[in-house]
Amino acid sequence: MNDLRFDHRTVLVTGGAGGFGSQTCRTFGERGANVVVADLNLEKAAEVAAELPSAVAIQMDVTDPESIEAGIQAAVEAFGSLDVLVNNAGAPNRGGPIEDTSVKDMDWLFQINYRSSVLATQAALPHLRASEIGSIINVASISAKRPRPGHAVYCSLKAGVEGLTRALAVELAPEVRVNSVSPVIAETGFVKNATGQEKLTDEARASMVAGIPMGRPAQTQDVANAILYLASDLASFQTGVCLDVDGGRSIS
């Protein structure tokens, strides 16, 4: 389907070496995009880029404004344009009571989960406005609507990402579309960061899946497909959409 092709278009994915990020890079790459895999871990980013027909890996620390600026510039230098920005980078806090969340942890969570999307948007905007299809997709979380105990700061910041998406959609239209996806839990490196476990135990998995009507966690491809759609010509009239990729958790 030509509406889902991205030939001669450049897509930058922050956190591009992670679970959702790497699958998003592959999905765009399969559809002809020039892909910029931006990640703090340059070695892993290079491994993802090596899988794709047209891709480069760049090191980007999304908590560092200068690193973001340099990464956006490197992307444009590599392919001559920037058409789609996927603000995917993010991280949870280890679950625990709000009274045990330090100021240092709060500041770090703010920088990586919210501020990074603002800074990357600022840096990318001149290039996105010059594109015929300028588009931003932010990765929020279904926890913005259905929070779990022990992650108050993370959940509220992801709610902020959804609010940012709507606000930017109004501000940047019609030149640039801004949408977001809100995934439910998936068995990626995110789980290790949130729980301290390499993999979910059977008991923990059953507990999480119990609240998902579709009866399973999200797969990375589920999220990549949603991002691809929102960036595509099929969604050319969609802006300010916060798309739940949650198997129904938000309505259960």
C-alpha atoms as a PDB file:
ATOM      1  CA  MET A   1       0.000   0.000   0.000  1.00  0.00           C
ATOM      2  CA  ASN A   2       1.626   3.221  -1.173  1.00  0.00           C
ATOM      3  CA  ASP A   3       0.040   5.232   1.641  1.00  0.00           C
ATOM      4  CA  LEU A   4       2.275   3.315   4.055  1.00  0.00           C
ATOM      5  CA  ARG A   5       5.481   3.855   2.071  1.00  0.00           C
ATOM      6  CA  PHE A   6       8.162   6.269   3.276  1.00  0.00           C
ATOM      7  CA  ASP A   7      10.517   6.263   0.304  1.00  0.00           C
ATOM      8  CA  HIS A   8      12.896   9.251   0.275  1.00  0.00           C
ATOM      9  CA  ARG A   9      11.632  10.321   3.692  1.00  0.00           C
ATOM     10  CA  THR A  10      13.744  10.516   6.832  1.00  0.00           C
ATOM     11  CA  VAL A  11      12.568   9.269  10.215  1.00  0.00           C
ATOM     12  CA  LEU A  12      14.437   9.837  13.482  1.00  0.00           C
ATOM     13  CA  VAL A  13      13.587   7.607  16.445  1.00  0.00           C
ATOM     14  CA  THR A  14      14.916   8.520  19.888  1.00  0.00           C
ATOM     15  CA  GLY A  15      15.601   5.529  22.098  1.00  0.00           C
ATOM     16  CA  GLY A  16      15.948   3.716  18.795  1.00  0.00           C
ATOM     17  CA  ALA A  17      17.934   0.791  20.198  1.00  0.00           C
ATOM     18  CA  GLY A  18      15.314  -0.202  22.772  1.00  0.00           C
ATOM     19  CA  GLY A  19      12.311  -2.504  22.480  1.00  0.00           C
ATOM     20  CA  PHE A  20       9.685  -0.196  20.990  1.00  0.00           C
ATOM     21  CA  GLY A  21      12.317   1.985  19.343  1.00  0.00           C
ATOM     22  CA  SER A  22      14.194  -0.731  17.489  1.00  0.00           C
ATOM     23  CA  GLN A  23      11.000  -2.310  16.145  1.00  0.00           C
ATOM     24  CA  THR A  24       9.789   1.106  15.042  1.00  0.00           C
ATOM     25  CA  CYS A  25      13.074   1.643  13.187  1.00  0.00           C
ATOM     26  CA  ARG A  26      12.720  -1.734  11.465  1.00  0.00           C
ATOM     27  CA  THR A  27       9.116  -1.056  10.506  1.00  0.00           C
ATOM     28  CA  PHE A  28       9.913   2.279   8.888  1.00  0.00           C
ATOM     29  CA  GLY A  29      12.992   0.796   7.234  1.00  0.00           C
ATOM     30  CA  GLU A  30      10.923  -1.989   5.671  1.00  0.00           C
ATOM     31  CA  ARG A  31       8.768   0.681   4.073  1.00  0.00           C
ATOM     32  CA  GLY A  32      11.567   2.580   2.407  1.00  0.00           C
ATOM     33  CA  ALA A  33      12.452   5.237   4.981  1.00  0.00           C
ATOM     34  CA  ASN A  34      15.880   6.599   5.703  1.00  0.00           C
ATOM     35  CA  VAL A  35      16.090   5.797   9.410  1.00  0.00           C
ATOM     36  CA  VAL A  36      18.119   7.596  12.066  1.00  0.00           C
ATOM     37  CA  VAL A  37      18.572   5.341  15.091  1.00  0.00           C
ATOM     38  CA  ALA A  38      19.262   7.742  17.955  1.00  0.00           C
ATOM     39  CA  ASP A  39      20.219   6.242  21.294  1.00  0.00           C
ATOM     40  CA  LEU A  40      22.533   6.778  24.241  1.00  0.00           C
ATOM     41  CA  ASN A  41      23.954   3.305  23.542  1.00  0.00           C
ATOM     42  CA  LEU A  42      25.713   3.866  20.212  1.00  0.00           C
ATOM     43  CA  GLU A  43      26.825   0.242  19.891  1.00  0.00           C
ATOM     44  CA  LYS A  44      23.268  -1.093  20.089  1.00  0.00           C
ATOM     45  CA  ALA A  45      22.014   1.689  17.827  1.00  0.00           C
ATOM     46  CA  ALA A  46      24.610   0.678  15.240  1.00  0.00           C
ATOM     47  CA  GLU A  47      23.416  -2.938  15.426  1.00  0.00           C
ATOM     48  CA  VAL A  48      19.857  -1.846  14.650  1.00  0.00           C
ATOM     49  CA  ALA A  49      20.994   0.461  11.835  1.00  0.00           C
ATOM     50  CA  ALA A  50      23.023  -2.366  10.284  1.00  0.00           C
ATOM     51  CA  GLU A  51      19.813  -4.384   9.810  1.00  0.00           C
ATOM     52  CA  LEU A  52      18.182  -1.693   7.680  1.00  0.00           C
ATOM     53  CA  PRO A  53      18.556  -0.809   3.984  1.00  0.00           C
ATOM     54  CA  SER A  54      19.179   2.916   4.625  1.00  0.00           C
ATOM     55  CA  ALA A  55      20.013   3.929   8.164  1.00  0.00           C
ATOM     56  CA  VAL A  56      22.561   5.627  10.384  1.00  0.00           C
ATOM     57  CA  ALA A  57      23.163   5.363  14.111  1.00  0.00           C
ATOM     58  CA  ILE A  58      23.832   8.443  16.193  1.00  0.00           C
ATOM     59  CA  GLN A  59      24.546   8.772  19.887  1.00  0.00           C
ATOM     60  CA  MET A  60      21.991  10.943  21.619  1.00  0.00           C
ATOM     61  CA  ASP A  61      21.499  11.646  25.303  1.00  0.00           C
ATOM     62  CA  VAL A  62      17.950  12.992  25.478  1.00  0.00           C
ATOM     63  CA  THR A  63      18.593  14.522  28.901  1.00  0.00           C
ATOM     64  CA  ASP A  64      21.266  16.767  27.309  1.00  0.00           C
ATOM     65  CA  PRO A  65      19.989  19.663  25.133  1.00  0.00           C
ATOM     66  CA  GLU A  66      23.284  19.953  23.252  1.00  0.00           C
ATOM     67  CA  SER A  67      23.262  16.241  22.437  1.00  0.00           C
ATOM     68  CA  ILE A  68      19.734  16.525  21.057  1.00  0.00           C
ATOM     69  CA  GLU A  69      20.649  19.515  18.886  1.00  0.00           C
ATOM     70  CA  ALA A  70      23.745  17.738  17.559  1.00  0.00           C
ATOM     71  CA  GLY A  71      21.773  14.571  16.843  1.00  0.00           C
ATOM     72  CA  ILE A  72      19.089  16.374  14.849  1.00  0.00           C
ATOM     73  CA  GLN A  73      21.762  18.167  12.838  1.00  0.00           C
ATOM     74  CA  ALA A  74      23.588  14.896  12.189  1.00  0.00           C
ATOM     75  CA  ALA A  75      20.374  13.354  10.887  1.00  0.00           C
ATOM     76  CA  VAL A  76      19.813  16.191   8.430  1.00  0.00           C
ATOM     77  CA  GLU A  77      23.427  16.064   7.309  1.00  0.00           C
ATOM     78  CA  ALA A  78      23.149  12.313   6.713  1.00  0.00           C
ATOM     79  CA  PHE A  79      20.002  12.368   4.577  1.00  0.00           C
ATOM     80  CA  GLY A  80      19.335  16.002   3.675  1.00  0.00           C
ATOM     81  CA  SER A  81      15.995  16.288   5.437  1.00  0.00           C
ATOM     82  CA  LEU A  82      13.930  15.269   8.448  1.00  0.00           C
ATOM     83  CA  ASP A  83      10.294  14.334   7.901  1.00  0.00           C
ATOM     84  CA  VAL A  84       9.208  12.345  10.972  1.00  0.00           C
ATOM     85  CA  LEU A  85      10.331  12.639  14.588  1.00  0.00           C
ATOM     86  CA  VAL A  86       9.431   9.797  16.955  1.00  0.00           C
ATOM     87  CA  ASN A  87       9.966  10.876  20.564  1.00  0.00           C
ATOM     88  CA  ASN A  88      10.249   7.378  21.970  1.00  0.00           C
ATOM     89  CA  ALA A  89      13.027   7.631  24.565  1.00  0.00           C
ATOM     90  CA  GLY A  90      11.838   7.249  28.129  1.00  0.00           C
ATOM     91  CA  ALA A  91      12.285   5.254  31.318  1.00  0.00           C
ATOM     92  CA  PRO A  92      10.259   4.333  34.408  1.00  0.00           C
ATOM     93  CA  ASN A  93      11.179   4.646  38.040  1.00  0.00           C
ATOM     94  CA  ARG A  94      11.589   1.544  40.168  1.00  0.00           C
ATOM     95  CA  GLY A  95       8.216   1.082  41.831  1.00  0.00           C
ATOM     96  CA  GLY A  96       7.848   2.463  45.340  1.00  0.00           C
ATOM     97  CA  PRO A  97       5.906   4.854  47.574  1.00  0.00           C
ATOM     98  CA  ILE A  98       5.783   8.499  46.530  1.00  0.00           C
ATOM     99  CA  GLU A  99       7.401   9.533  49.820  1.00  0.00           C
ATOM    100  CA  ASP A 100      10.505   7.553  48.866  1.00  0.00           C
ATOM    101  CA  THR A 101      10.917   9.278  45.470  1.00  0.00           C
ATOM    102  CA  SER A 102      13.874  11.652  45.700  1.00  0.00           C
ATOM    103  CA  VAL A 103      14.142  15.046  44.040  1.00  0.00           C
ATOM    104  CA  LYS A 104      17.038  13.676  41.986  1.00  0.00           C
ATOM    105  CA  ASP A 105      14.878  10.835  40.691  1.00  0.00           C
ATOM    106  CA  MET A 106      11.992  13.205  39.949  1.00  0.00           C
ATOM    107  CA  ASP A 107      14.251  15.544  37.981  1.00  0.00           C
ATOM    108  CA  TRP A 108      15.709  12.650  35.951  1.00  0.00           C
ATOM    109  CA  LEU A 109      12.267  11.239  35.186  1.00  0.00           C
ATOM    110  CA  PHE A 110      11.136  14.697  34.047  1.00  0.00           C
ATOM    111  CA  GLN A 111      14.148  15.136  31.800  1.00  0.00           C
ATOM    112  CA  ILE A 112      13.940  11.777  30.046  1.00  0.00           C
ATOM    113  CA  ASN A 113      10.159  11.334  29.841  1.00  0.00           C
ATOM    114  CA  TYR A 114       8.867  14.848  29.191  1.00  0.00           C
ATOM    115  CA  ARG A 115      11.508  17.501  28.614  1.00  0.00           C
ATOM    116  CA  SER A 116      13.238  15.376  25.981  1.00  0.00           C
ATOM    117  CA  SER A 117      10.142  15.524  23.758  1.00  0.00           C
ATOM    118  CA  VAL A 118       9.984  19.307  24.063  1.00  0.00           C
ATOM    119  CA  LEU A 119      13.677  19.775  23.290  1.00  0.00           C
ATOM    120  CA  ALA A 120      13.695  17.357  20.349  1.00  0.00           C
ATOM    121  CA  THR A 121      10.614  19.052  18.936  1.00  0.00           C
ATOM    122  CA  GLN A 122      12.261  22.461  19.200  1.00  0.00           C
ATOM    123  CA  ALA A 123      15.402  21.232  17.452  1.00  0.00           C
ATOM    124  CA  ALA A 124      13.528  19.381  14.710  1.00  0.00           C
ATOM    125  CA  LEU A 125      10.850  21.961  13.928  1.00  0.00           C
ATOM    126  CA  PRO A 126      12.638  23.947  11.197  1.00  0.00           C
ATOM    127  CA  HIS A 127      13.230  20.734   9.276  1.00  0.00           C
ATOM    128  CA  LEU A 128       9.763  19.299   9.892  1.00  0.00           C
ATOM    129  CA  ARG A 129       8.165  22.527   8.695  1.00  0.00           C
ATOM    130  CA  ALA A 130      10.194  22.270   5.489  1.00  0.00           C
ATOM    131  CA  SER A 131       8.859  18.753   4.876  1.00  0.00           C
ATOM    132  CA  GLU A 132       5.717  17.966   2.913  1.00  0.00           C
ATOM    133  CA  ILE A 133       4.648  15.492   5.611  1.00  0.00           C
ATOM    134  CA  GLY A 134       6.159  16.929   8.803  1.00  0.00           C
ATOM    135  CA  SER A 135       5.021  14.720  11.671  1.00  0.00           C
ATOM    136  CA  ILE A 136       5.813  14.136  15.336  1.00  0.00           C
ATOM    137  CA  ILE A 137       4.764  11.025  17.236  1.00  0.00           C
ATOM    138  CA  ASN A 138       5.290  11.018  20.990  1.00  0.00           C
ATOM    139  CA  VAL A 139       5.345   7.796  22.982  1.00  0.00           C
ATOM    140  CA  ALA A 140       3.328   8.191  26.164  1.00  0.00           C
ATOM    141  CA  SER A 141       1.874   5.302  28.200  1.00  0.00           C
ATOM    142  CA  ILE A 142      -1.516   3.904  29.076  1.00  0.00           C
ATOM    143  CA  SER A 143      -0.465   4.595  32.676  1.00  0.00           C
ATOM    144  CA  ALA A 144      -1.321   8.216  31.914  1.00  0.00           C
ATOM    145  CA  LYS A 145      -4.970   7.110  32.095  1.00  0.00           C
ATOM    146  CA  ARG A 146      -4.708   3.928  34.173  1.00  0.00           C
ATOM    147  CA  PRO A 147      -1.827   4.364  36.622  1.00  0.00           C
ATOM    148  CA  ARG A 148      -0.445   1.552  38.724  1.00  0.00           C
ATOM    149  CA  PRO A 149       0.618   2.133  42.368  1.00  0.00           C
ATOM    150  CA  GLY A 150       4.238   3.042  42.965  1.00  0.00           C
ATOM    151  CA  HIS A 151       4.822   5.024  39.758  1.00  0.00           C
ATOM    152  CA  ALA A 152       3.087   8.328  40.474  1.00  0.00           C
ATOM    153  CA  VAL A 153       5.732  10.608  38.969  1.00  0.00           C
ATOM    154  CA  TYR A 154       6.222   8.516  35.835  1.00  0.00           C
ATOM    155  CA  CYS A 155       2.473   8.175  35.244  1.00  0.00           C
ATOM    156  CA  SER A 156       1.821  11.881  35.666  1.00  0.00           C
ATOM    157  CA  LEU A 157       4.681  12.773  33.317  1.00  0.00           C
ATOM    158  CA  LYS A 158       3.243  10.493  30.645  1.00  0.00           C
ATOM    159  CA  ALA A 159      -0.084  12.268  31.131  1.00  0.00           C
ATOM    160  CA  GLY A 160       1.906  15.418  30.480  1.00  0.00           C
ATOM    161  CA  VAL A 161       3.172  13.932  27.205  1.00  0.00           C
ATOM    162  CA  GLU A 162      -0.424  13.420  26.093  1.00  0.00           C
ATOM    163  CA  GLY A 163      -1.212  17.018  27.054  1.00  0.00           C
ATOM    164  CA  LEU A 164       1.881  18.218  25.206  1.00  0.00           C
ATOM    165  CA  THR A 165       0.763  16.284  22.129  1.00  0.00           C
ATOM    166  CA  ARG A 166      -2.599  18.031  22.044  1.00  0.00           C
ATOM    167  CA  ALA A 167      -1.128  21.460  22.725  1.00  0.00           C
ATOM    168  CA  LEU A 168       1.513  21.111  20.005  1.00  0.00           C
ATOM    169  CA  ALA A 169      -1.069  19.780  17.561  1.00  0.00           C
ATOM    170  CA  VAL A 170      -3.002  23.024  17.903  1.00  0.00           C
ATOM    171  CA  GLU A 171       0.113  25.205  17.799  1.00  0.00           C
ATOM    172  CA  LEU A 172       1.884  23.565  14.863  1.00  0.00           C
ATOM    173  CA  ALA A 173      -1.036  22.823  12.532  1.00  0.00           C
ATOM    174  CA  PRO A 174      -1.337  22.721   9.610  1.00  0.00           C
ATOM    175  CA  GLU A 175       2.389  22.505   8.814  1.00  0.00           C
ATOM    176  CA  VAL A 176       3.256  19.736  11.290  1.00  0.00           C
ATOM    177  CA  ARG A 177       0.987  17.019  12.654  1.00  0.00           C
ATOM    178  CA  VAL A 178       1.510  15.869  16.254  1.00  0.00           C
ATOM    179  CA  ASN A 179       0.107  12.629  17.640  1.00  0.00           C
ATOM    180  CA  SER A 180       1.004  10.125  20.340  1.00  0.00           C
ATOM    181  CA  VAL A 181       0.676   6.457  21.229  1.00  0.00           C
ATOM    182  CA  SER A 182       0.035   5.110  24.709  1.00  0.00           C
ATOM    183  CA  PRO A 183       1.175   1.482  25.019  1.00  0.00           C
ATOM    184  CA  VAL A 184       0.295  -0.957  27.757  1.00  0.00           C
ATOM    185  CA  ILE A 185       3.057  -2.993  29.413  1.00  0.00           C
ATOM    186  CA  ALA A 186       5.304  -4.978  27.058  1.00  0.00           C
ATOM    187  CA  GLU A 187       8.094  -7.386  27.919  1.00  0.00           C
ATOM    188  CA  THR A 188      10.982  -5.153  26.908  1.00  0.00           C
ATOM    189  CA  GLY A 189      13.921  -3.662  28.807  1.00  0.00           C
ATOM    190  CA  PHE A 190      11.310  -1.356  30.346  1.00  0.00           C
ATOM    191  CA  VAL A 191      10.159  -4.239  32.549  1.00  0.00           C
ATOM    192  CA  LYS A 192      13.637  -4.731  33.984  1.00  0.00           C
ATOM    193  CA  ASN A 193      13.946  -1.021  34.768  1.00  0.00           C
ATOM    194  CA  ALA A 194      10.534  -0.909  36.419  1.00  0.00           C
ATOM    195  CA  THR A 195      10.689  -4.165  38.370  1.00  0.00           C
ATOM    196  CA  GLY A 196      14.350  -5.079  38.636  1.00  0.00           C
ATOM    197  CA  GLN A 197      13.592  -8.448  37.024  1.00  0.00           C
ATOM    198  CA  GLU A 198      15.032  -9.676  33.736  1.00  0.00           C
ATOM    199  CA  LYS A 199      11.642 -11.182  32.848  1.00  0.00           C
ATOM    200  CA  LEU A 200       8.219 -11.060  34.383  1.00  0.00           C
ATOM    201  CA  THR A 201       7.413 -13.955  36.673  1.00  0.00           C
ATOM    202  CA  ASP A 202       4.384 -16.000  35.708  1.00  0.00           C
ATOM    203  CA  GLU A 203       2.536 -14.514  38.661  1.00  0.00           C
ATOM    204  CA  ALA A 204       3.445 -10.920  37.738  1.00  0.00           C
ATOM    205  CA  ARG A 205       2.548 -11.504  34.078  1.00  0.00           C
ATOM    206  CA  ALA A 206      -0.814 -12.990  35.025  1.00  0.00           C
ATOM    207  CA  SER A 207      -1.539 -10.022  37.273  1.00  0.00           C
ATOM    208  CA  MET A 208      -0.769  -7.495  34.550  1.00  0.00           C
ATOM    209  CA  VAL A 209      -2.588  -9.362  31.797  1.00  0.00           C
ATOM    210  CA  ALA A 210      -5.652  -9.759  34.017  1.00  0.00           C
ATOM    211  CA  GLY A 211      -6.490  -6.104  33.392  1.00  0.00           C
ATOM    212  CA  ILE A 212      -6.082  -6.334  29.601  1.00  0.00           C
ATOM    213  CA  PRO A 213      -9.208  -7.551  27.799  1.00  0.00           C
ATOM    214  CA  MET A 214      -7.157  -8.875  24.847  1.00  0.00           C
ATOM    215  CA  GLY A 215      -5.418 -11.217  27.287  1.00  0.00           C
ATOM    216  CA  ARG A 216      -1.766 -10.442  26.560  1.00  0.00           C
ATOM    217  CA  PRO A 217       0.870  -7.708  26.942  1.00  0.00           C
ATOM    218  CA  ALA A 218       1.661  -5.416  24.024  1.00  0.00           C
ATOM    219  CA  GLN A 219       4.105  -6.621  21.415  1.00  0.00           C
ATOM    220  CA  THR A 220       6.683  -4.195  20.086  1.00  0.00           C
ATOM    221  CA  GLN A 221       5.176  -4.591  16.616  1.00  0.00           C
ATOM    222  CA  ASP A 222       1.777  -3.439  17.917  1.00  0.00           C
ATOM    223  CA  VAL A 223       3.320  -0.144  18.944  1.00  0.00           C
ATOM    224  CA  ALA A 224       5.452   0.213  15.814  1.00  0.00           C
ATOM    225  CA  ASN A 225       2.379  -0.329  13.630  1.00  0.00           C
ATOM    226  CA  ALA A 226       0.476   2.425  15.429  1.00  0.00           C
ATOM    227  CA  ILE A 227       3.385   4.844  15.062  1.00  0.00           C
ATOM    228  CA  LEU A 228       3.752   3.991  11.382  1.00  0.00           C
ATOM    229  CA  TYR A 229       0.060   4.642  10.768  1.00  0.00           C
ATOM    230  CA  LEU A 230       0.069   8.013  12.532  1.00  0.00           C
ATOM    231  CA  ALA A 231       3.098   9.138  10.498  1.00  0.00           C
ATOM    232  CA  SER A 232       1.661   7.894   7.216  1.00  0.00           C
ATOM    233  CA  ASP A 233      -0.404   9.528   4.499  1.00  0.00           C
ATOM    234  CA  LEU A 234      -3.355   7.438   5.682  1.00  0.00           C
ATOM    235  CA  ALA A 235      -3.443   9.632   8.805  1.00  0.00           C
ATOM    236  CA  SER A 236      -2.963  12.946   6.982  1.00  0.00           C
ATOM    237  CA  PHE A 237      -6.054  14.419   8.716  1.00  0.00           C
ATOM    238  CA  GLN A 238      -5.119  13.106  12.148  1.00  0.00           C
ATOM    239  CA  THR A 239      -3.505  15.483  14.631  1.00  0.00           C
ATOM    240  CA  GLY A 240      -3.806  15.731  18.390  1.00  0.00           C
ATOM    241  CA  VAL A 241      -4.690  12.031  18.537  1.00  0.00           C
ATOM    242  CA  CYS A 242      -3.528  10.120  21.627  1.00  0.00           C
ATOM    243  CA  LEU A 243      -3.918   6.549  20.425  1.00  0.00           C
ATOM    244  CA  ASP A 244      -4.182   3.840  23.086  1.00  0.00           C
ATOM    245  CA  VAL A 245      -2.258   0.671  22.155  1.00  0.00           C
ATOM    246  CA  ASP A 246      -3.415  -1.207  25.204  1.00  0.00           C
ATOM    247  CA  GLY A 247      -5.556  -4.211  24.299  1.00  0.00           C
ATOM    248  CA  GLY A 248      -8.475  -2.478  26.005  1.00  0.00           C
ATOM    249  CA  ARG A 249      -6.885  -1.824  29.401  1.00  0.00           C
ATOM    250  CA  SER A 250      -8.089   1.780  29.425  1.00  0.00           C
ATOM    251  CA  ILE A 251     -11.740   0.655  29.220  1.00  0.00           C
ATOM    252  CA  SER A 252     -11.621  -2.384  31.493  1.00  0.00           C
END
